C-alpha atoms as a PDB file:
ATOM      1  CA  MET A   1     103.943 105.582 113.584  1.00  0.00           C
ATOM      2  CA  ALA A   2     105.157 106.343 110.036  1.00  0.00           C
ATOM      3  CA  GLU A   3     108.168 108.193 111.473  1.00  0.00           C
ATOM      4  CA  ASP A   4     109.068 105.107 113.512  1.00  0.00           C
ATOM      5  CA  ALA A   5     108.872 102.909 110.414  1.00  0.00           C
ATOM      6  CA  VAL A   6     111.122 105.274 108.435  1.00  0.00           C
ATOM      7  CA  ARG A   7     113.599 105.453 111.327  1.00  0.00           C
ATOM      8  CA  THR A   8     113.687 101.653 111.602  1.00  0.00           C
ATOM      9  CA  PHE A   9     114.238 101.293 107.857  1.00  0.00           C
ATOM     10  CA  ASN A  10     117.023 103.878 107.852  1.00  0.00           C
ATOM     11  CA  GLU A  11     118.804 102.624 110.993  1.00  0.00           C
ATOM     12  CA  ASP A  12     118.247  98.850 111.241  1.00  0.00           C
ATOM     13  CA  PRO A  13     120.398  96.855 108.771  1.00  0.00           C
ATOM     14  CA  GLN A  14     118.072  93.855 109.218  1.00  0.00           C
ATOM     15  CA  THR A  15     115.145  95.854 107.771  1.00  0.00           C
ATOM     16  CA  PHE A  16     115.536  95.826 104.009  1.00  0.00           C
ATOM     17  CA  VAL A  17     112.021  96.284 102.582  1.00  0.00           C
ATOM     18  CA  PHE A  18     109.859  99.379 102.950  1.00  0.00           C
ATOM     19  CA  LEU A  19     106.401  99.368 101.338  1.00  0.00           C
ATOM     20  CA  LEU A  20     104.446 102.552 100.633  1.00  0.00           C
ATOM     21  CA  ASN A  21     101.621 103.608  98.388  1.00  0.00           C
ATOM     22  CA  ALA A  22     102.407 105.989  95.537  1.00  0.00           C
ATOM     23  CA  GLY A  23     101.223 109.112  97.343  1.00  0.00           C
ATOM     24  CA  GLN A  24     103.440 108.417 100.336  1.00  0.00           C
ATOM     25  CA  LEU A  25     106.470 107.870  98.128  1.00  0.00           C
ATOM     26  CA  ALA A  26     106.360 111.433  96.881  1.00  0.00           C
ATOM     27  CA  ALA A  27     105.719 112.999 100.271  1.00  0.00           C
ATOM     28  CA  GLY A  28     109.167 114.249 101.256  1.00  0.00           C
ATOM     29  CA  LEU A  29     110.723 111.064 102.620  1.00  0.00           C
ATOM     30  CA  THR A  30     114.459 110.476 102.688  1.00  0.00           C
ATOM     31  CA  LEU A  31     115.257 106.810 102.185  1.00  0.00           C
ATOM     32  CA  SER A  32     118.925 107.096 101.239  1.00  0.00           C
ATOM     33  CA  VAL A  33     119.828 103.709 102.713  1.00  0.00           C
ATOM     34  CA  ALA A  34     117.771 102.060  99.951  1.00  0.00           C
ATOM     35  CA  SER A  35     119.399 101.043  96.696  1.00  0.00           C
ATOM     36  CA  HIS A  36     116.346  99.709  94.827  1.00  0.00           C
ATOM     37  CA  VAL A  37     113.050 101.428  94.061  1.00  0.00           C
ATOM     38  CA  ILE A  38     110.248  99.370  92.548  1.00  0.00           C
ATOM     39  CA  LEU A  39     107.087 101.200  91.498  1.00  0.00           C
ATOM     40  CA  LEU A  40     104.021  99.009  90.998  1.00  0.00           C
ATOM     41  CA  GLU A  41     101.443 101.775  90.755  1.00  0.00           C
ATOM     42  CA  PRO A  42     101.219 104.224  87.847  1.00  0.00           C
ATOM     43  CA  PHE A  43     101.398 107.932  88.620  1.00  0.00           C
ATOM     44  CA  THR A  44      99.165 110.368  86.765  1.00  0.00           C
ATOM     45  CA  ASN A  45     101.807 113.075  87.111  1.00  0.00           C
ATOM     46  CA  PRO A  46     105.305 112.312  85.699  1.00  0.00           C
ATOM     47  CA  SER A  47     106.993 114.770  88.073  1.00  0.00           C
ATOM     48  CA  GLU A  48     105.498 112.968  91.086  1.00  0.00           C
ATOM     49  CA  GLU A  49     106.823 109.677  89.723  1.00  0.00           C
ATOM     50  CA  ALA A  50     110.306 111.190  89.343  1.00  0.00           C
ATOM     51  CA  GLN A  51     110.092 112.589  92.869  1.00  0.00           C
ATOM     52  CA  ALA A  52     109.135 109.160  94.207  1.00  0.00           C
ATOM     53  CA  MET A  53     112.197 107.627  92.545  1.00  0.00           C
ATOM     54  CA  ASN A  54     114.371 110.366  94.022  1.00  0.00           C
ATOM     55  CA  ARG A  55     113.518 109.341  97.607  1.00  0.00           C
ATOM     56  CA  CYS A  56     116.696 107.220  97.491  1.00  0.00           C
ATOM     57  CA  HIS A  57     118.855 109.811  95.694  1.00  0.00           C
ATOM     58  CA  ARG A  58     119.588 111.982  98.708  1.00  0.00           C
ATOM     59  CA  ILE A  59     122.613 113.316 100.563  1.00  0.00           C
ATOM     60  CA  GLY A  60     124.217 110.355 102.275  1.00  0.00           C
ATOM     61  CA  GLN A  61     123.489 107.854  99.505  1.00  0.00           C
ATOM     62  CA  SER A  62     126.638 105.794  99.009  1.00  0.00           C
ATOM     63  CA  LYS A  63     125.298 103.093  96.662  1.00  0.00           C
ATOM     64  CA  GLU A  64     124.139 103.012  93.072  1.00  0.00           C
ATOM     65  CA  VAL A  65     120.340 103.239  92.947  1.00  0.00           C
ATOM     66  CA  CYS A  66     118.258 101.094  90.591  1.00  0.00           C
ATOM     67  CA  CYS A  67     114.687 102.170  89.771  1.00  0.00           C
ATOM     68  CA  THR A  68     112.252  99.761  88.133  1.00  0.00           C
ATOM     69  CA  VAL A  69     108.694 100.587  87.111  1.00  0.00           C
ATOM     70  CA  TYR A  70     106.162  97.841  86.368  1.00  0.00           C
ATOM     71  CA  TYR A  71     102.968  98.658  84.494  1.00  0.00           C
ATOM     72  CA  ALA A  72     100.326  95.967  84.178  1.00  0.00           C
ATOM     73  CA  PRO A  73      97.897  96.490  81.275  1.00  0.00           C
ATOM     74  CA  TRP A  74      94.922  96.600  83.658  1.00  0.00           C
ATOM     75  CA  SER A  75      96.577  99.117  86.015  1.00  0.00           C
ATOM     76  CA  VAL A  76      96.667 102.113  83.665  1.00  0.00           C
ATOM     77  CA  PRO A  77      93.386 103.697  82.544  1.00  0.00           C
ATOM     78  CA  PRO A  78      93.177 103.876  78.712  1.00  0.00           C
ATOM     79  CA  ARG A  79      93.086 107.690  78.766  1.00  0.00           C
ATOM     80  CA  LEU A  80      96.534 107.735  80.433  1.00  0.00           C
ATOM     81  CA  SER A  81      98.219 105.175  78.209  1.00  0.00           C
ATOM     82  CA  ALA A  82      96.933 106.495  74.868  1.00  0.00           C
ATOM     83  CA  PRO A  83      99.547 108.253  72.712  1.00  0.00           C
ATOM     84  CA  SER A  84      99.200 112.032  72.817  1.00  0.00           C
END
């Protein structure tokens, strides 16, 4: 089922939103037809967050990609947001 959703997103120009949870975003997907990435969930691992943003930066990408990350104060545990 997930493969069908990815195929539809990549091939159907009328499908322009693809929602995933953070773990799925970093799981080897190629979404090079997308030009905007919006992360609403904090990652505990910065490299996983970068990998999630790179889902759109793949071979075949012909558009500029914009990545936006939103962090709500209640969404990040204090131990993760404290300065190190």
